[in-house]
Amino acid sequence: MSATAAVPTGTWSADPSHSRIGFSVKHLGIATVHGEFGEFEGTFTVGEDLTSAKIEGKIQVASVDTKEDARDEHLRGEDFFNTAVNPEITFESTKIEGKGGDEFTVTGNLTINGVTNEVELDGETQGTETDPWGNDRVGFELSGKLSRGDFGMKFNQALGSGNVLVGDKIKLDLDISAVKQA
């Protein structure tokens, strides 16, 4: 069974109230800071097979939340996302490949801070269900890693121990519930 075999054809839209787009990064080289974006949209278009499937998404960067207001303001500024110039993060898949069972790999173009790079995300279909209001839903989990430096976010501060204030490697963690569109 392929990852899309359990997902009926059509267009599925992310439901932000039942989804999460999260990230994590090392702080001081010893702890992990977790954050997420509260405002986003996304679609998953499923055809007869994976070669015709497509994923697209947009994130409003100003919605970043790391549970620390001062850090969030810094992230919105020129050292990181520069939301005044680049208010959105965008993603568009270029290839989706099955890995067996409900697992798949998504390759696509991710634009952050005005810089576009190809990224690869590992995904798993969590299943489909009809909610109490008659909406067909599908769940996906996606994860991946990227270098924030590859997207022009090079701000840092060296520490006496040899560690740095903010790690370069970012872990992505997406948990998406999508509703089939009529």
C-alpha atoms as a PDB file:
ATOM      1  CA  MET A   1       0.000   0.000   0.000  1.00  0.00           C
ATOM      2  CA  SER A   2       1.386   3.417  -0.893  1.00  0.00           C
ATOM      3  CA  ALA A   3       1.197   6.515   1.274  1.00  0.00           C
ATOM      4  CA  THR A   4      -1.521   7.974  -0.907  1.00  0.00           C
ATOM      5  CA  ALA A   5      -3.474   4.739  -1.380  1.00  0.00           C
ATOM      6  CA  ALA A   6      -5.279   5.375   1.910  1.00  0.00           C
ATOM      7  CA  VAL A   7      -5.988   9.004   0.927  1.00  0.00           C
ATOM      8  CA  PRO A   8      -8.771   9.502  -1.609  1.00  0.00           C
ATOM      9  CA  THR A   9      -8.030  11.682  -4.615  1.00  0.00           C
ATOM     10  CA  GLY A  10      -8.859  15.356  -4.357  1.00  0.00           C
ATOM     11  CA  THR A  11      -7.625  18.493  -2.640  1.00  0.00           C
ATOM     12  CA  TRP A  12      -7.136  18.514   1.121  1.00  0.00           C
ATOM     13  CA  SER A  13      -6.680  21.781   3.074  1.00  0.00           C
ATOM     14  CA  ALA A  14      -4.844  22.009   6.387  1.00  0.00           C
ATOM     15  CA  ASP A  15      -7.028  22.764   9.395  1.00  0.00           C
ATOM     16  CA  PRO A  16      -4.868  25.106  11.545  1.00  0.00           C
ATOM     17  CA  SER A  17      -7.006  24.543  14.647  1.00  0.00           C
ATOM     18  CA  HIS A  18      -6.111  20.837  14.563  1.00  0.00           C
ATOM     19  CA  SER A  19      -2.585  21.106  13.125  1.00  0.00           C
ATOM     20  CA  ARG A  20       0.839  22.226  14.310  1.00  0.00           C
ATOM     21  CA  ILE A  21       3.925  23.521  12.503  1.00  0.00           C
ATOM     22  CA  GLY A  22       6.787  23.331  14.962  1.00  0.00           C
ATOM     23  CA  PHE A  23      10.546  23.677  15.065  1.00  0.00           C
ATOM     24  CA  SER A  24      13.356  23.258  17.565  1.00  0.00           C
ATOM     25  CA  VAL A  25      16.910  24.585  17.844  1.00  0.00           C
ATOM     26  CA  LYS A  26      19.756  24.257  20.339  1.00  0.00           C
ATOM     27  CA  HIS A  27      20.232  27.166  22.761  1.00  0.00           C
ATOM     28  CA  LEU A  28      23.699  27.651  24.314  1.00  0.00           C
ATOM     29  CA  GLY A  29      24.578  24.223  22.907  1.00  0.00           C
ATOM     30  CA  ILE A  30      22.972  22.546  25.933  1.00  0.00           C
ATOM     31  CA  ALA A  31      19.189  23.052  25.773  1.00  0.00           C
ATOM     32  CA  THR A  32      16.527  22.917  23.100  1.00  0.00           C
ATOM     33  CA  VAL A  33      14.100  25.756  22.386  1.00  0.00           C
ATOM     34  CA  HIS A  34      10.803  24.743  20.783  1.00  0.00           C
ATOM     35  CA  GLY A  35       8.585  27.046  18.774  1.00  0.00           C
ATOM     36  CA  GLU A  36       5.681  26.988  16.397  1.00  0.00           C
ATOM     37  CA  PHE A  37       3.780  29.118  13.929  1.00  0.00           C
ATOM     38  CA  GLY A  38       0.130  29.855  14.663  1.00  0.00           C
ATOM     39  CA  GLU A  39      -0.989  31.165  11.264  1.00  0.00           C
ATOM     40  CA  PHE A  40      -0.566  28.989   8.181  1.00  0.00           C
ATOM     41  CA  GLU A  41      -2.369  27.380   5.283  1.00  0.00           C
ATOM     42  CA  GLY A  42      -1.597  24.376   3.152  1.00  0.00           C
ATOM     43  CA  THR A  43      -3.036  22.059   0.536  1.00  0.00           C
ATOM     44  CA  PHE A  44      -2.312  18.474  -0.424  1.00  0.00           C
ATOM     45  CA  THR A  45      -3.603  17.521  -3.863  1.00  0.00           C
ATOM     46  CA  VAL A  46      -3.816  13.780  -4.444  1.00  0.00           C
ATOM     47  CA  GLY A  47      -4.117  12.271  -7.900  1.00  0.00           C
ATOM     48  CA  GLU A  48      -4.099   8.657  -8.980  1.00  0.00           C
ATOM     49  CA  ASP A  49      -0.479   8.140  -7.837  1.00  0.00           C
ATOM     50  CA  LEU A  50       2.410   9.879  -6.075  1.00  0.00           C
ATOM     51  CA  THR A  51       3.807  11.371  -9.265  1.00  0.00           C
ATOM     52  CA  SER A  52       0.778  13.639  -9.513  1.00  0.00           C
ATOM     53  CA  ALA A  53       0.525  14.533  -5.790  1.00  0.00           C
ATOM     54  CA  LYS A  54       1.387  18.097  -4.744  1.00  0.00           C
ATOM     55  CA  ILE A  55       1.887  19.867  -1.403  1.00  0.00           C
ATOM     56  CA  GLU A  56       1.889  23.654  -1.045  1.00  0.00           C
ATOM     57  CA  GLY A  57       1.948  25.793   2.066  1.00  0.00           C
ATOM     58  CA  LYS A  58       2.348  29.315   3.464  1.00  0.00           C
ATOM     59  CA  ILE A  59       3.241  30.406   6.984  1.00  0.00           C
ATOM     60  CA  GLN A  60       2.762  33.903   8.385  1.00  0.00           C
ATOM     61  CA  VAL A  61       6.151  34.387  10.042  1.00  0.00           C
ATOM     62  CA  ALA A  62       4.891  37.040  12.476  1.00  0.00           C
ATOM     63  CA  SER A  63       2.890  34.244  14.162  1.00  0.00           C
ATOM     64  CA  VAL A  64       6.103  32.658  15.538  1.00  0.00           C
ATOM     65  CA  ASP A  65       5.751  31.659  19.189  1.00  0.00           C
ATOM     66  CA  THR A  66       8.573  30.316  21.365  1.00  0.00           C
ATOM     67  CA  LYS A  67       6.854  31.200  24.666  1.00  0.00           C
ATOM     68  CA  GLU A  68       9.218  34.189  25.150  1.00  0.00           C
ATOM     69  CA  ASP A  69       8.029  37.568  23.794  1.00  0.00           C
ATOM     70  CA  ALA A  70      11.480  39.178  23.566  1.00  0.00           C
ATOM     71  CA  ARG A  71      12.913  36.181  21.684  1.00  0.00           C
ATOM     72  CA  ASP A  72       9.912  36.142  19.323  1.00  0.00           C
ATOM     73  CA  GLU A  73      10.434  39.843  18.524  1.00  0.00           C
ATOM     74  CA  HIS A  74      14.120  39.146  17.835  1.00  0.00           C
ATOM     75  CA  LEU A  75      13.146  36.261  15.520  1.00  0.00           C
ATOM     76  CA  ARG A  76      10.826  38.612  13.578  1.00  0.00           C
ATOM     77  CA  GLY A  77      13.659  41.116  13.111  1.00  0.00           C
ATOM     78  CA  GLU A  78      16.514  41.460  10.617  1.00  0.00           C
ATOM     79  CA  ASP A  79      18.814  38.956  12.393  1.00  0.00           C
ATOM     80  CA  PHE A  80      16.447  36.101  11.568  1.00  0.00           C
ATOM     81  CA  PHE A  81      13.165  36.139   9.567  1.00  0.00           C
ATOM     82  CA  ASN A  82      13.046  39.869   8.713  1.00  0.00           C
ATOM     83  CA  THR A  83       9.251  39.824   8.585  1.00  0.00           C
ATOM     84  CA  ALA A  84       9.071  43.474   7.440  1.00  0.00           C
ATOM     85  CA  VAL A  85      10.568  42.335   4.105  1.00  0.00           C
ATOM     86  CA  ASN A  86       9.686  38.609   4.095  1.00  0.00           C
ATOM     87  CA  PRO A  87       6.376  38.104   5.894  1.00  0.00           C
ATOM     88  CA  GLU A  88       5.793  34.531   4.656  1.00  0.00           C
ATOM     89  CA  ILE A  89       7.537  31.197   4.548  1.00  0.00           C
ATOM     90  CA  THR A  90       6.442  29.192   1.505  1.00  0.00           C
ATOM     91  CA  PHE A  91       6.802  25.562   0.460  1.00  0.00           C
ATOM     92  CA  GLU A  92       6.041  23.861  -2.839  1.00  0.00           C
ATOM     93  CA  SER A  93       6.723  20.180  -3.395  1.00  0.00           C
ATOM     94  CA  THR A  94       8.615  19.057  -6.483  1.00  0.00           C
ATOM     95  CA  LYS A  95       8.497  15.303  -5.827  1.00  0.00           C
ATOM     96  CA  ILE A  96       6.703  12.907  -3.484  1.00  0.00           C
ATOM     97  CA  GLU A  97       7.983   9.335  -3.248  1.00  0.00           C
ATOM     98  CA  GLY A  98       6.560   6.368  -1.375  1.00  0.00           C
ATOM     99  CA  LYS A  99       8.863   4.553   1.062  1.00  0.00           C
ATOM    100  CA  GLY A 100       6.556   1.641   1.775  1.00  0.00           C
ATOM    101  CA  GLY A 101       3.465   1.371   3.909  1.00  0.00           C
ATOM    102  CA  ASP A 102       2.131   4.796   4.852  1.00  0.00           C
ATOM    103  CA  GLU A 103       5.575   6.448   4.737  1.00  0.00           C
ATOM    104  CA  PHE A 104       6.717   8.857   2.069  1.00  0.00           C
ATOM    105  CA  THR A 105       9.370  11.481   1.315  1.00  0.00           C
ATOM    106  CA  VAL A 106       8.530  14.991   0.127  1.00  0.00           C
ATOM    107  CA  THR A 107      11.143  17.034  -1.744  1.00  0.00           C
ATOM    108  CA  GLY A 108      10.386  20.658  -2.428  1.00  0.00           C
ATOM    109  CA  ASN A 109      11.364  24.297  -2.482  1.00  0.00           C
ATOM    110  CA  LEU A 110      11.260  26.075   0.870  1.00  0.00           C
ATOM    111  CA  THR A 111      11.555  29.863   0.937  1.00  0.00           C
ATOM    112  CA  ILE A 112      12.537  31.480   4.232  1.00  0.00           C
ATOM    113  CA  ASN A 113      13.836  35.022   4.655  1.00  0.00           C
ATOM    114  CA  GLY A 114      13.709  35.525   0.876  1.00  0.00           C
ATOM    115  CA  VAL A 115      16.019  32.552   0.200  1.00  0.00           C
ATOM    116  CA  THR A 116      14.819  29.386  -1.545  1.00  0.00           C
ATOM    117  CA  ASN A 117      16.458  26.005  -0.985  1.00  0.00           C
ATOM    118  CA  GLU A 118      15.447  22.448  -1.685  1.00  0.00           C
ATOM    119  CA  VAL A 119      14.528  20.458   1.424  1.00  0.00           C
ATOM    120  CA  GLU A 120      13.442  16.904   2.064  1.00  0.00           C
ATOM    121  CA  LEU A 121      10.801  15.932   4.612  1.00  0.00           C
ATOM    122  CA  ASP A 122       9.957  12.460   5.865  1.00  0.00           C
ATOM    123  CA  GLY A 123       6.229  11.869   6.097  1.00  0.00           C
ATOM    124  CA  GLU A 124       3.731   9.359   7.331  1.00  0.00           C
ATOM    125  CA  THR A 125       0.005   9.216   6.659  1.00  0.00           C
ATOM    126  CA  GLN A 126      -1.838   8.834   9.965  1.00  0.00           C
ATOM    127  CA  GLY A 127      -5.123   7.731   8.405  1.00  0.00           C
ATOM    128  CA  THR A 128      -8.464   9.104   7.284  1.00  0.00           C
ATOM    129  CA  GLU A 129     -11.690   9.682   9.172  1.00  0.00           C
ATOM    130  CA  THR A 130     -15.047  11.401   8.758  1.00  0.00           C
ATOM    131  CA  ASP A 131     -15.688  13.883  11.552  1.00  0.00           C
ATOM    132  CA  PRO A 132     -19.112  14.265  13.272  1.00  0.00           C
ATOM    133  CA  TRP A 133     -20.040  17.063  10.832  1.00  0.00           C
ATOM    134  CA  GLY A 134     -19.492  14.927   7.726  1.00  0.00           C
ATOM    135  CA  ASN A 135     -16.054  16.301   6.741  1.00  0.00           C
ATOM    136  CA  ASP A 136     -13.535  13.800   5.381  1.00  0.00           C
ATOM    137  CA  ARG A 137     -10.165  14.282   7.121  1.00  0.00           C
ATOM    138  CA  VAL A 138      -6.651  12.934   6.726  1.00  0.00           C
ATOM    139  CA  GLY A 139      -3.705  13.196   9.105  1.00  0.00           C
ATOM    140  CA  PHE A 140      -0.024  13.547   8.209  1.00  0.00           C
ATOM    141  CA  GLU A 141       3.144  13.834  10.231  1.00  0.00           C
ATOM    142  CA  LEU A 142       6.198  15.372   8.564  1.00  0.00           C
ATOM    143  CA  SER A 143       9.706  15.954   9.881  1.00  0.00           C
ATOM    144  CA  GLY A 144      12.997  17.224   8.566  1.00  0.00           C
ATOM    145  CA  LYS A 145      16.130  19.244   9.255  1.00  0.00           C
ATOM    146  CA  LEU A 146      17.640  22.345   7.739  1.00  0.00           C
ATOM    147  CA  SER A 147      20.476  24.783   8.280  1.00  0.00           C
ATOM    148  CA  ARG A 148      19.233  28.263   9.185  1.00  0.00           C
ATOM    149  CA  GLY A 149      22.489  29.650   7.731  1.00  0.00           C
ATOM    150  CA  ASP A 150      21.419  28.326   4.314  1.00  0.00           C
ATOM    151  CA  PHE A 151      18.505  30.775   4.549  1.00  0.00           C
ATOM    152  CA  GLY A 152      20.634  33.814   5.404  1.00  0.00           C
ATOM    153  CA  MET A 153      20.060  33.620   9.168  1.00  0.00           C
ATOM    154  CA  LYS A 154      23.633  33.791  10.425  1.00  0.00           C
ATOM    155  CA  PHE A 155      23.177  35.764  13.661  1.00  0.00           C
ATOM    156  CA  ASN A 156      25.046  34.214  16.566  1.00  0.00           C
ATOM    157  CA  GLN A 157      27.229  34.888  19.560  1.00  0.00           C
ATOM    158  CA  ALA A 158      30.238  32.787  20.566  1.00  0.00           C
ATOM    159  CA  LEU A 159      30.345  31.655  24.181  1.00  0.00           C
ATOM    160  CA  GLY A 160      33.435  31.128  26.332  1.00  0.00           C
ATOM    161  CA  SER A 161      32.877  27.365  26.348  1.00  0.00           C
ATOM    162  CA  GLY A 162      33.123  27.156  22.570  1.00  0.00           C
ATOM    163  CA  ASN A 163      29.370  26.782  22.174  1.00  0.00           C
ATOM    164  CA  VAL A 164      27.238  29.360  20.390  1.00  0.00           C
ATOM    165  CA  LEU A 165      24.087  31.124  21.491  1.00  0.00           C
ATOM    166  CA  VAL A 166      21.866  29.654  18.719  1.00  0.00           C
ATOM    167  CA  GLY A 167      22.453  26.373  16.903  1.00  0.00           C
ATOM    168  CA  ASP A 168      22.475  26.259  13.111  1.00  0.00           C
ATOM    169  CA  LYS A 169      20.518  23.007  12.725  1.00  0.00           C
ATOM    170  CA  ILE A 170      16.742  23.410  12.862  1.00  0.00           C
ATOM    171  CA  LYS A 171      14.474  20.405  13.332  1.00  0.00           C
ATOM    172  CA  LEU A 172      11.038  20.651  11.721  1.00  0.00           C
ATOM    173  CA  ASP A 173       7.998  18.846  13.121  1.00  0.00           C
ATOM    174  CA  LEU A 174       4.609  19.138  11.397  1.00  0.00           C
ATOM    175  CA  ASP A 175       1.417  17.438  12.503  1.00  0.00           C
ATOM    176  CA  ILE A 176      -1.290  18.204   9.945  1.00  0.00           C
ATOM    177  CA  SER A 177      -4.996  17.454   9.935  1.00  0.00           C
ATOM    178  CA  ALA A 178      -6.491  18.254   6.538  1.00  0.00           C
ATOM    179  CA  VAL A 179     -10.090  18.470   5.355  1.00  0.00           C
ATOM    180  CA  LYS A 180     -11.170  17.336   1.884  1.00  0.00           C
ATOM    181  CA  GLN A 181     -12.472  20.202  -0.235  1.00  0.00           C
ATOM    182  CA  ALA A 182     -15.745  19.851  -2.171  1.00  0.00           C
END
